[in-house]
Protein backbone atom coordinates (compact mmCIF):
# COMPACT_ATOMS: atom_id res chain seq x y z
CA MET A 1 242.33 70.72 77.06
CA THR A 2 245.34 68.52 76.35
CA ALA A 3 245.73 66.50 73.18
CA LEU A 4 245.35 63.23 75.10
CA THR A 5 242.14 64.44 76.74
CA ALA A 6 240.77 65.53 73.37
CA VAL A 7 241.54 62.13 71.86
CA LEU A 8 239.91 60.25 74.73
CA LEU A 9 236.82 62.46 74.57
CA LEU A 10 236.66 62.00 70.79
CA VAL A 11 236.80 58.21 71.13
CA SER A 12 234.13 58.27 73.84
CA CYS A 13 231.78 60.59 71.93
CA ALA A 14 232.25 58.70 68.66
CA THR A 15 231.52 55.39 70.38
CA LEU A 16 228.37 56.77 72.01
CA ILE A 17 227.13 58.20 68.70
CA ALA A 18 227.84 54.95 66.84
CA THR A 19 226.08 52.96 69.56
CA GLY A 20 223.08 55.29 69.29
CA ALA A 21 223.07 54.84 65.53
CA ARG A 22 222.77 51.08 65.93
CA HIS A 23 220.02 51.49 68.50
CA TRP A 24 218.05 53.91 66.30
CA ARG A 25 218.79 51.85 63.14
CA VAL A 26 220.31 54.76 61.23
CA PRO A 27 223.61 54.65 59.29
CA ALA A 28 226.43 55.18 61.75
CA PRO A 29 228.82 57.02 59.34
CA SER A 30 226.16 59.63 58.54
CA LEU A 31 225.24 60.22 62.18
CA LEU A 32 228.92 60.36 63.17
CA VAL A 33 229.65 63.00 60.54
CA VAL A 34 226.69 65.10 61.66
CA GLY A 35 227.77 64.76 65.28
CA GLY A 36 231.33 65.70 64.38
CA VAL A 37 230.22 68.85 62.54
CA LEU A 38 228.00 69.93 65.44
CA ILE A 39 230.72 69.30 68.03
CA GLY A 40 233.34 71.04 65.89
CA MET A 41 231.21 74.18 65.79
CA LEU A 42 231.34 74.56 69.58
CA PRO A 43 233.69 77.44 70.48
CA TRP A 44 235.55 75.58 73.26
CA VAL A 45 236.38 72.53 71.16
CA PRO A 46 240.03 72.62 69.97
CA ALA A 47 240.78 72.38 66.28
CA ILE A 48 241.43 68.81 65.22
CA ARG A 49 244.57 68.24 63.17
CA ILE A 50 245.15 64.77 61.81
CA ALA A 51 248.14 63.90 59.67
CA PRO A 52 247.53 62.05 56.39
CA GLU A 53 250.00 59.40 57.54
CA THR A 54 247.76 58.69 60.53
CA ILE A 55 244.82 57.93 58.26
CA SER A 56 246.81 56.08 55.62
CA VAL A 57 248.98 53.96 57.92
CA VAL A 58 246.97 53.54 61.12
CA VAL A 59 243.29 53.72 60.14
CA LEU A 60 242.92 52.57 56.55
CA PRO A 61 244.66 49.13 56.49
CA PRO A 62 242.40 47.31 58.99
CA LEU A 63 239.24 48.95 57.62
CA LEU A 64 240.13 48.08 54.02
CA PHE A 65 241.11 44.56 55.05
CA ALA A 66 237.79 44.02 56.85
CA SER A 67 235.89 45.30 53.80
CA ALA A 68 237.86 43.08 51.41
CA GLU A 69 237.36 39.97 53.54
CA GLU A 70 233.61 40.32 53.02
CA ILE A 71 234.08 39.74 49.25
CA PRO A 72 235.60 36.31 48.59
CA TRP A 73 236.92 35.54 45.13
CA ARG A 74 233.97 33.26 44.34
CA GLU A 75 231.57 36.23 44.55
CA LEU A 76 233.99 38.65 42.91
CA ARG A 77 234.59 36.54 39.82
CA PRO A 78 231.13 37.03 38.18
CA VAL A 79 231.36 40.85 38.38
CA TRP A 80 234.98 41.45 37.44
CA ARG A 81 234.12 42.91 34.00
CA PRO A 82 231.82 45.73 35.21
CA VAL A 83 234.12 46.34 38.18
CA THR A 84 237.06 46.78 35.81
CA VAL A 85 235.13 49.21 33.62
CA LEU A 86 234.02 51.26 36.63
CA ALA A 87 237.45 51.18 38.28
CA PHE A 88 239.09 52.60 35.16
CA GLY A 89 236.56 54.40 33.00
CA LEU A 90 234.33 55.93 35.64
CA VAL A 91 237.28 57.15 37.72
CA LEU A 92 238.83 58.86 34.72
CA ALA A 93 235.51 60.37 33.67
CA THR A 94 234.77 61.64 37.17
CA ALA A 95 238.21 63.22 37.56
CA ALA A 96 237.88 64.98 34.20
CA ALA A 97 234.34 66.20 34.89
CA VAL A 98 235.16 67.53 38.36
CA GLY A 99 238.31 69.20 37.05
CA VAL A 100 236.47 70.99 34.24
CA VAL A 101 233.58 72.11 36.45
CA ALA A 102 235.87 73.17 39.30
CA SER A 103 238.00 75.33 37.03
CA ALA A 104 234.82 77.03 35.77
CA VAL A 105 232.98 77.72 39.06
CA THR A 106 235.79 78.01 41.63
CA PRO A 107 239.03 80.03 41.83
CA LEU A 108 241.03 76.86 41.18
CA GLY A 109 243.30 76.86 38.16
CA GLY A 110 243.52 74.05 35.68
CA SER A 111 246.19 72.01 37.49
CA THR A 112 244.74 72.43 40.99
CA ALA A 113 241.24 71.70 39.68
CA PHE A 114 242.60 68.43 38.27
CA VAL A 115 244.01 67.64 41.72
CA LEU A 116 240.52 68.08 43.18
CA GLY A 117 239.09 65.86 40.45
CA ALA A 118 241.62 63.11 41.19
CA VAL A 119 240.84 63.32 44.92
CA LEU A 120 237.08 62.96 44.40
CA ALA A 121 237.28 60.47 41.53
CA SER A 122 236.80 57.22 43.42
CA THR A 123 234.17 56.00 45.82
CA ASP A 124 235.29 55.16 49.33
CA PRO A 125 235.42 51.47 50.35
CA VAL A 126 235.18 52.19 54.08
CA ALA A 127 232.07 54.35 53.75
CA VAL A 128 230.42 52.12 51.13
CA THR A 129 230.98 48.97 53.20
CA ALA A 130 229.82 50.63 56.42
CA LEU A 131 226.63 51.82 54.74
CA GLY A 132 226.09 48.59 52.80
CA ARG A 133 226.14 46.31 55.85
CA ARG A 134 222.64 47.39 56.84
CA LEU A 135 221.08 47.04 53.39
CA SER A 136 219.41 43.92 51.98
CA LEU A 137 220.87 44.26 48.50
CA PRO A 138 220.94 41.29 46.13
CA PRO A 139 224.32 39.54 46.30
CA ARG A 140 225.49 40.65 42.84
CA ALA A 141 224.61 44.31 43.43
CA ARG A 142 226.24 44.31 46.88
CA VAL A 143 229.45 42.74 45.60
CA LEU A 144 229.55 45.09 42.62
CA VAL A 145 229.29 48.22 44.78
CA GLN A 146 231.83 47.06 47.34
CA ALA A 147 234.30 45.63 44.82
CA GLU A 148 234.23 48.79 42.72
CA SER A 149 235.01 50.93 45.75
CA LEU A 150 237.88 48.61 46.70
CA PHE A 151 239.56 48.32 43.32
CA ASN A 152 239.21 51.85 41.95
CA ASP A 153 241.78 53.20 44.41
CA ALA A 154 244.79 52.21 42.31
CA THR A 155 243.44 54.23 39.38
CA SER A 156 242.60 57.26 41.50
CA LEU A 157 245.99 57.06 43.26
CA VAL A 158 247.85 57.20 39.95
CA LEU A 159 245.67 60.11 38.84
CA PHE A 160 246.30 61.89 42.12
CA LYS A 161 250.07 61.51 41.84
CA VAL A 162 250.01 62.73 38.25
CA ALA A 163 247.79 65.69 39.19
CA VAL A 164 249.96 66.69 42.16
CA ALA A 165 253.14 66.41 40.08
CA THR A 166 251.56 68.64 37.44
CA ALA A 167 250.41 71.21 40.02
CA VAL A 168 253.71 71.29 41.92
CA THR A 169 256.07 71.38 38.92
CA THR A 170 253.68 73.25 36.59
CA GLY A 171 254.69 70.79 33.95
CA ALA A 172 253.10 67.95 32.01
CA VAL A 173 253.35 64.26 32.74
CA SER A 174 253.44 61.87 29.79
CA PRO A 175 250.76 59.20 29.34
CA ALA A 176 253.51 56.57 29.09
CA ALA A 177 254.87 57.54 32.49
CA SER A 178 251.36 57.49 33.93
CA GLY A 179 250.71 54.00 32.51
CA GLY A 180 254.00 52.74 33.87
CA ALA A 181 253.21 54.19 37.28
CA PHE A 182 249.85 52.44 37.25
CA LEU A 183 251.42 49.08 36.42
CA VAL A 184 253.96 49.48 39.21
CA LEU A 185 251.37 50.60 41.76
CA GLY A 186 248.61 48.16 40.84
CA GLY A 187 250.67 45.14 39.78
CA GLY A 188 253.12 45.51 42.64
CA GLY A 189 250.25 45.82 45.10
CA VAL A 190 248.68 42.60 43.79
CA LEU A 191 251.94 40.68 44.15
CA VAL A 192 252.70 42.00 47.63
CA GLY A 193 249.14 41.40 48.83
CA GLY A 194 249.17 37.83 47.54
CA ALA A 195 252.54 37.12 49.17
CA VAL A 196 251.48 38.53 52.55
CA ALA A 197 248.21 36.60 52.42
CA GLY A 198 250.12 33.39 51.68
CA ALA A 199 252.48 33.96 54.61
CA ALA A 200 249.57 34.76 56.95
CA ALA A 201 247.68 31.66 55.82
CA LEU A 202 250.76 29.48 56.42
CA ILE A 203 251.12 30.79 59.99
CA ARG A 204 247.42 30.46 60.76
CA ARG A 205 247.33 26.92 59.40
CA ARG A 206 250.18 25.82 61.66
CA THR A 207 248.92 27.21 64.97
CA ALA A 208 245.81 26.83 67.08
CA ASP A 209 246.76 29.49 69.64
CA PRO A 210 243.89 32.04 69.60
CA VAL A 211 246.14 34.88 70.79
CA LEU A 212 248.76 34.28 68.09
CA VAL A 213 246.17 33.93 65.34
CA THR A 214 244.47 37.13 66.50
CA VAL A 215 247.79 39.00 66.43
CA VAL A 216 248.49 37.68 62.92
CA ALA A 217 245.04 38.82 61.78
CA LEU A 218 245.65 42.31 63.17
CA VAL A 219 249.19 42.60 61.78
CA THR A 220 248.41 41.27 58.27
CA PRO A 221 246.85 44.48 56.81
CA TYR A 222 249.60 46.67 58.25
CA ALA A 223 252.29 44.35 56.93
CA ALA A 224 250.76 44.33 53.44
CA TYR A 225 250.40 48.13 53.37
CA ALA A 226 253.86 48.94 54.74
CA LEU A 227 255.69 46.42 52.58
CA ALA A 228 253.96 47.56 49.41
CA GLU A 229 254.58 51.25 50.11
CA ASP A 230 258.27 50.60 50.87
CA LEU A 231 258.58 48.79 47.53
CA GLY A 232 256.91 51.66 45.64
CA ALA A 233 253.65 49.78 45.04
CA SER A 234 250.10 50.57 46.13
CA GLY A 235 249.57 49.75 49.79
CA VAL A 236 245.82 50.04 49.34
CA THR A 237 245.79 47.45 46.56
CA ALA A 238 248.01 45.12 48.60
CA VAL A 239 245.65 45.27 51.58
CA VAL A 240 242.61 44.67 49.38
CA VAL A 241 244.18 41.66 47.63
CA ALA A 242 245.30 40.18 50.95
CA GLY A 243 241.79 40.62 52.34
CA VAL A 244 240.10 38.99 49.34
CA VAL A 245 242.49 36.01 49.41
CA LEU A 246 242.14 35.40 53.14
CA GLY A 247 238.41 36.04 53.00
CA SER A 248 238.15 33.16 50.53
CA THR A 249 240.31 30.71 52.49
CA GLY A 250 240.52 31.96 56.08
CA HIS A 251 237.45 30.07 57.32
CA GLY A 252 239.26 26.77 56.78
CA LEU A 253 242.53 27.74 58.44
CA THR A 254 241.48 27.73 62.10
CA ASN A 255 239.04 26.10 64.48
CA ALA A 256 235.76 27.45 65.82
CA ALA A 257 237.14 28.93 69.06
CA VAL A 258 239.84 30.86 67.20
CA ARG A 259 237.38 32.12 64.60
CA LEU A 260 235.06 33.39 67.34
CA GLN A 261 237.88 35.28 69.06
CA VAL A 262 239.33 36.77 65.88
CA HIS A 263 235.89 37.88 64.77
CA ALA A 264 235.19 39.51 68.12
CA VAL A 265 238.54 41.31 68.35
CA TYR A 266 238.51 42.48 64.74
CA GLY A 267 234.91 43.62 65.03
CA THR A 268 235.86 45.75 68.03
CA VAL A 269 238.84 47.31 66.21
CA VAL A 270 236.78 48.10 63.11
CA PHE A 271 233.97 49.58 65.20
CA LEU A 272 236.33 51.91 67.08
CA LEU A 273 238.28 53.02 63.99
CA GLU A 274 235.14 53.66 61.93
CA SER A 275 233.57 55.57 64.79
CA VAL A 276 236.57 57.82 65.26
CA VAL A 277 237.45 58.43 61.62
CA PHE A 278 233.94 59.46 60.53
CA ALA A 279 233.63 61.72 63.56
CA VAL A 280 236.98 63.32 62.66
CA ILE A 281 235.72 64.04 59.13
CA GLY A 282 232.87 66.06 60.61
CA LEU A 283 235.09 67.75 63.19
CA GLU A 284 237.59 68.94 60.60
CA LEU A 285 235.10 70.81 58.42
CA PRO A 286 234.44 73.79 60.77
CA ALA A 287 238.18 74.22 61.42
CA LEU A 288 239.02 74.11 57.72
CA VAL A 289 236.32 76.65 56.89
CA HIS A 290 237.64 78.94 59.61
CA GLU A 291 241.16 78.72 58.16
CA LEU A 292 239.86 79.43 54.67
CA GLY A 293 238.74 82.93 55.70
CA SER A 294 236.99 85.39 53.46
CA ALA A 295 238.89 84.24 50.37
CA GLY A 296 236.65 81.22 50.02
CA ARG A 297 233.25 82.55 50.98
CA GLY A 298 231.68 80.78 48.02
CA TRP A 299 232.72 77.33 49.24
CA PRO A 300 229.15 76.13 50.02
CA LEU A 301 228.17 76.65 46.38
CA GLY A 302 231.35 74.90 45.30
CA VAL A 303 230.55 71.90 47.51
CA LEU A 304 227.04 71.65 46.09
CA VAL A 305 228.28 71.90 42.50
CA MET A 306 231.08 69.36 43.05
CA THR A 307 228.69 66.92 44.72
CA GLY A 308 226.21 67.31 41.88
CA THR A 309 228.98 66.75 39.34
CA VAL A 310 230.16 63.60 41.08
CA LEU A 311 226.65 62.14 41.33
CA THR A 312 225.68 63.08 37.77
CA THR A 313 228.85 61.63 36.29
CA ARG A 314 228.33 58.42 38.22
CA LEU A 315 224.74 58.10 37.02
CA LEU A 316 225.71 58.78 33.39
CA GLY A 317 228.51 56.23 33.67
CA ILE A 318 226.60 53.43 35.38
CA LEU A 319 223.33 53.69 33.44
CA PRO A 320 224.64 52.71 29.97
CA LEU A 321 226.87 50.02 31.46
CA SER A 322 223.95 48.49 33.33
CA LEU A 323 221.67 48.64 30.30
CA LEU A 324 224.33 46.98 28.15
CA THR A 325 224.82 44.24 30.75
CA GLN A 326 221.10 43.59 30.98
CA ARG A 327 220.75 43.37 27.20
CA ARG A 328 223.67 40.93 27.00
CA GLN A 329 221.94 38.69 29.53
CA GLY A 330 219.13 38.36 27.00
CA ASP A 331 216.15 38.36 29.34
CA GLY A 332 214.37 40.97 27.20
CA ARG A 333 213.77 43.35 30.09
CA VAL A 334 215.69 46.51 30.94
CA SER A 335 215.33 47.76 34.50
CA TRP A 336 216.35 51.13 35.92
CA ARG A 337 216.18 49.93 39.53
CA VAL A 338 219.65 48.43 39.87
CA PRO A 339 221.54 51.32 38.18
CA ALA A 340 219.62 53.82 40.31
CA VAL A 341 220.74 52.09 43.52
CA LEU A 342 224.31 51.62 42.29
CA SER A 343 224.53 55.29 41.34
CA TRP A 344 223.26 56.46 44.72
CA ALA A 345 225.61 54.13 46.62
CA GLY A 346 228.80 55.90 45.50
CA THR A 347 229.63 57.85 48.65
CA ARG A 348 232.97 59.51 49.34
CA GLY A 349 234.72 59.14 52.67
CA VAL A 350 238.07 58.41 54.27
CA MET A 351 240.17 57.86 51.14
CA PRO A 352 239.52 61.27 49.55
CA LEU A 353 240.20 62.97 52.88
CA ALA A 354 243.54 61.19 53.27
CA ALA A 355 244.51 62.11 49.70
CA ALA A 356 243.58 65.79 50.14
CA LEU A 357 245.54 66.04 53.39
CA SER A 358 248.65 64.66 51.66
CA ILE A 359 248.74 67.47 49.07
CA PRO A 360 252.11 69.29 49.40
CA LEU A 361 252.15 72.69 51.10
CA THR A 362 254.50 74.31 48.59
CA ALA A 363 255.16 74.24 44.87
CA GLU A 364 258.49 73.54 43.19
CA GLY A 365 259.90 77.03 43.79
CA GLY A 366 259.06 77.06 47.48
CA ALA A 367 255.96 79.24 47.12
CA PRO A 368 252.75 78.07 48.82
CA LEU A 369 250.68 75.79 46.63
CA PRO A 370 247.77 77.93 45.44
CA HIS A 371 244.29 77.21 46.83
CA ARG A 372 245.32 74.17 48.90
CA PRO A 373 242.97 75.20 51.76
CA LEU A 374 240.09 75.50 49.29
CA ILE A 375 240.76 71.99 47.95
CA LEU A 376 240.65 70.66 51.52
CA VAL A 377 237.38 72.45 52.26
CA LEU A 378 235.72 71.33 49.03
CA THR A 379 236.87 67.73 49.53
CA THR A 380 235.70 67.58 53.14
CA GLY A 381 232.44 69.29 52.23
CA VAL A 382 231.69 66.78 49.47
CA VAL A 383 232.56 63.89 51.79
CA VAL A 384 230.27 65.23 54.53
CA LEU A 385 227.43 65.98 52.11
CA THR A 386 227.53 62.57 50.42
CA LEU A 387 227.77 60.73 53.73
CA VAL A 388 224.81 62.66 55.15
CA VAL A 389 222.52 62.89 52.12
CA GLN A 390 223.25 59.54 50.51
CA GLY A 391 223.78 57.81 53.84
CA PHE A 392 220.40 58.75 55.27
CA THR A 393 218.53 58.20 52.00
CA LEU A 394 220.22 55.07 50.61
CA ALA A 395 217.99 52.64 52.54
CA PRO A 396 214.77 54.38 51.36
CA VAL A 397 216.10 54.37 47.78
CA VAL A 398 216.76 50.63 48.01
CA ARG A 399 213.26 50.01 49.37
CA TRP A 400 211.72 52.28 46.73
CA SER A 401 213.57 50.47 43.94
CA GLY A 402 212.09 47.15 45.01
CA ILE A 403 215.36 45.18 44.65
CA ALA A 404 215.89 44.67 48.38
CA LEU A 405 215.77 41.08 49.51
CA GLU A 406 212.86 40.25 51.77
CA PRO A 407 213.76 38.88 55.21
CA GLU A 408 211.96 35.65 54.28
CA HIS A 409 214.46 35.07 51.48
CA THR A 410 217.41 35.04 53.86
CA ALA A 411 215.47 33.01 56.44
CA HIS A 412 214.56 30.33 53.89
CA GLU A 413 218.13 30.13 52.58
CA GLU A 414 219.45 29.74 56.12
CA ALA A 415 216.79 27.12 56.89
CA ARG A 416 217.79 25.08 53.82
CA CYS A 417 221.42 25.27 54.88
CA ARG A 418 220.67 24.18 58.45
CA ALA A 419 218.55 21.28 57.17
CA ALA A 420 221.36 20.10 54.90
CA LEU A 421 223.85 20.29 57.78
CA ALA A 422 221.53 18.35 60.10
CA GLU A 423 221.04 15.63 57.48
CA ALA A 424 224.80 15.37 57.00
CA GLY A 425 225.21 15.02 60.76
CA LEU A 426 222.58 12.27 60.90
CA ALA A 427 224.30 10.40 58.07
CA CYS A 428 227.59 10.64 59.98
CA LEU A 429 225.93 9.23 63.11
CA ASP A 430 224.49 6.34 61.10
CA GLU A 431 227.98 5.46 59.84
CA LEU A 432 229.46 5.63 63.34
CA GLU A 433 226.65 3.47 64.70
CA SER A 434 227.14 0.87 61.98
CA VAL A 435 230.78 0.36 62.93
CA GLU A 436 230.07 0.69 66.67
CA ALA A 437 232.52 3.60 66.98
CA ALA A 438 230.64 5.05 69.99
CA SER A 439 228.14 3.97 72.60
CA ALA A 440 224.50 3.78 71.59
CA THR A 441 223.53 6.20 74.38
CA VAL A 442 225.80 8.97 73.11
CA ILE A 443 224.73 8.44 69.49
CA ASP A 444 221.06 8.51 70.48
CA GLN A 445 221.54 11.74 72.40
CA LEU A 446 223.26 13.41 69.45
CA ARG A 447 220.61 12.09 67.06
CA ARG A 448 217.81 13.67 69.12
CA GLY A 449 219.58 17.01 69.02
CA LEU A 450 220.06 16.85 65.23
CA LEU A 451 216.46 15.81 64.70
CA ALA A 452 215.34 18.80 66.77
CA ARG A 453 217.48 21.06 64.57
CA LEU A 454 216.02 19.47 61.45
CA ASP A 455 212.46 20.01 62.73
CA GLN A 456 213.27 23.66 63.48
CA ALA A 457 214.82 24.14 60.05
CA ASP A 458 211.71 22.65 58.42
CA ALA A 459 209.53 25.08 60.40
CA ASP A 460 211.67 28.02 59.27
CA HIS A 461 211.60 26.81 55.66
CA ASP A 462 207.82 26.53 55.71
CA GLY A 463 207.60 30.21 56.65
CA ASP A 464 206.74 29.73 60.31
CA SER A 465 208.95 32.66 61.29
CA VAL A 466 206.94 33.28 64.45
CA SER A 467 207.72 29.75 65.63
CA ALA A 468 211.42 30.29 64.93
CA ALA A 469 211.44 33.60 66.77
CA ASP A 470 209.55 32.08 69.69
CA TYR A 471 212.02 29.21 69.83
CA ARG A 472 215.02 31.56 69.95
CA GLU A 473 213.38 33.76 72.58
CA LEU A 474 212.48 30.76 74.74
CA ARG A 475 215.95 29.23 74.40
CA ARG A 476 217.55 32.53 75.39
CA ALA A 477 215.30 32.64 78.46
CA VAL A 478 216.41 29.11 79.39
CA ILE A 479 220.06 30.01 78.86
CA ALA A 480 219.61 33.07 81.08
CA ALA A 481 218.14 30.85 83.80
CA GLU A 482 221.04 28.41 83.40
CA SER A 483 223.55 31.26 83.65
CA ALA A 484 221.86 32.54 86.80
CA GLU A 485 222.01 29.05 88.33
CA LEU A 486 225.69 28.81 87.38
CA ARG A 487 226.40 32.08 89.18
CA ARG A 488 224.50 30.81 92.25
CA LEU A 489 226.55 27.61 92.28
CA TYR A 490 229.79 29.57 91.98
CA GLU A 491 228.86 32.08 94.67
CA GLY A 492 227.95 29.15 96.95
CA ASN A 493 231.44 27.64 96.42
CA ARG A 494 229.91 24.52 94.83
CA VAL A 495 231.92 24.82 91.56
CA SER A 496 235.42 26.11 90.85
CA ASP A 497 236.19 29.19 88.80
CA MET A 498 237.62 27.08 86.00
CA THR A 499 234.43 25.05 85.78
CA ARG A 500 232.33 28.21 85.86
CA ARG A 501 234.30 29.74 82.97
CA ARG A 502 234.12 26.61 80.80
CA VAL A 503 230.39 26.10 81.35
CA GLN A 504 229.65 29.80 80.84
CA ARG A 505 231.60 29.79 77.56
CA ALA A 506 229.55 26.81 76.36
CA LEU A 507 226.34 28.68 77.19
CA ASP A 508 227.64 31.82 75.47
CA LEU A 509 228.52 29.88 72.33
CA GLU A 510 225.08 28.29 72.27
CA GLU A 511 223.38 31.66 72.69
CA ALA A 512 225.55 33.16 69.94
CA GLY A 513 224.55 30.27 67.68
CA LEU A 514 220.89 31.22 67.95
CA GLY A 515 221.52 34.21 65.65
CA GLU A 516 219.46 37.38 65.48
């Protein structure tokens, strides 16, 4: 089997598994990892080797950018204090705890155990976002989980570089040098990300070409990452900052047609990359275990212990912070539900794998770096275990905690929004009618449509969800009949291809506007 054939088969299998996960309503990352492990255990499947540069440069930027765009600055601002504490304190605590435990229960020495701790210190934004999309978390809890996973990478990256330098040179790194490295990585990443976001916004504001805007949207995360890395800053931080900035302002930079196309193209890219990268994580584990040989026969116990250490440290770090926050709010009640969900949402994923793969092969004297294969196996094992265990159980934990938003909450909020928009449209029509800016027939036709929307929004707001569902189902049936008639007219040479495309696009946009 050639490398190209293996890649094509991997993309096809990963896409099929991810599609099945959506159909069965299970978390796609967890099912992809399980599928990857099972496929990797087949004797005729070639060993998958993926370079850390491939993950860091090709896969991570668009996935991080898509995750960051989902958290605009308005929603990030209320949670910046707990996010800062978690991004610094919890990462340091996790790295120290994993390092101490690893040196006690595995063959790893002190320096290599610290490398493992730095690798596993931070939660993974790609995995957390992919799992969080299907949960009905309250807005503050959702933003807190995703923002923490996005902004703790600068801290873990500095720790990782310090740990690797210590392991390779067998020397110590001063705290002053570590602090300076963090300022350069984090601060430089913020500046580069802001500059790239500003340039992208300027281009998008000055063009209405859907193709050009789509290209700019695809190039932006790569430009931010590459520029920051070339300048010695954190590419991850630059991508995250660019995503947050454009996520807050991007909706006002283009028109509806461009937004629809960019959303569709970017959604396709993210779906393919997520599908492949989580499948690769599962595929790599059997090959890494095989390379480890008899020297690491105790790796399953090490994976269990490291996973337990990571989860315990996270719980012990989040619980007091959450209790302190609740007491400061002064409502008199202290709830365990939110910290329990936040603790269980801290999965590991693509970022730790990329960091572990980038560990040097040799030490300063040219000798092989001790226990590098074991670090790779333990890292991949913890990633697989957290994605499977936490991924499949996170939704039940959210339901058990009772903090999940009911579907009626979202429906009522959307109904209120639609009613407000319809009323604004009616007011606009009244103004146009008063100055005779359009014919009375056109205004009356638009008014009837807005009044119908307002009546539907009132029905949704009153809790008549069956009526809303029936309306959407009936309208989809009508659109399907209209599409069939359009095809019949085209096949009978009664309309041109250009007319068919324009009318079909209008029908598609209307059907897309009906929502789920």
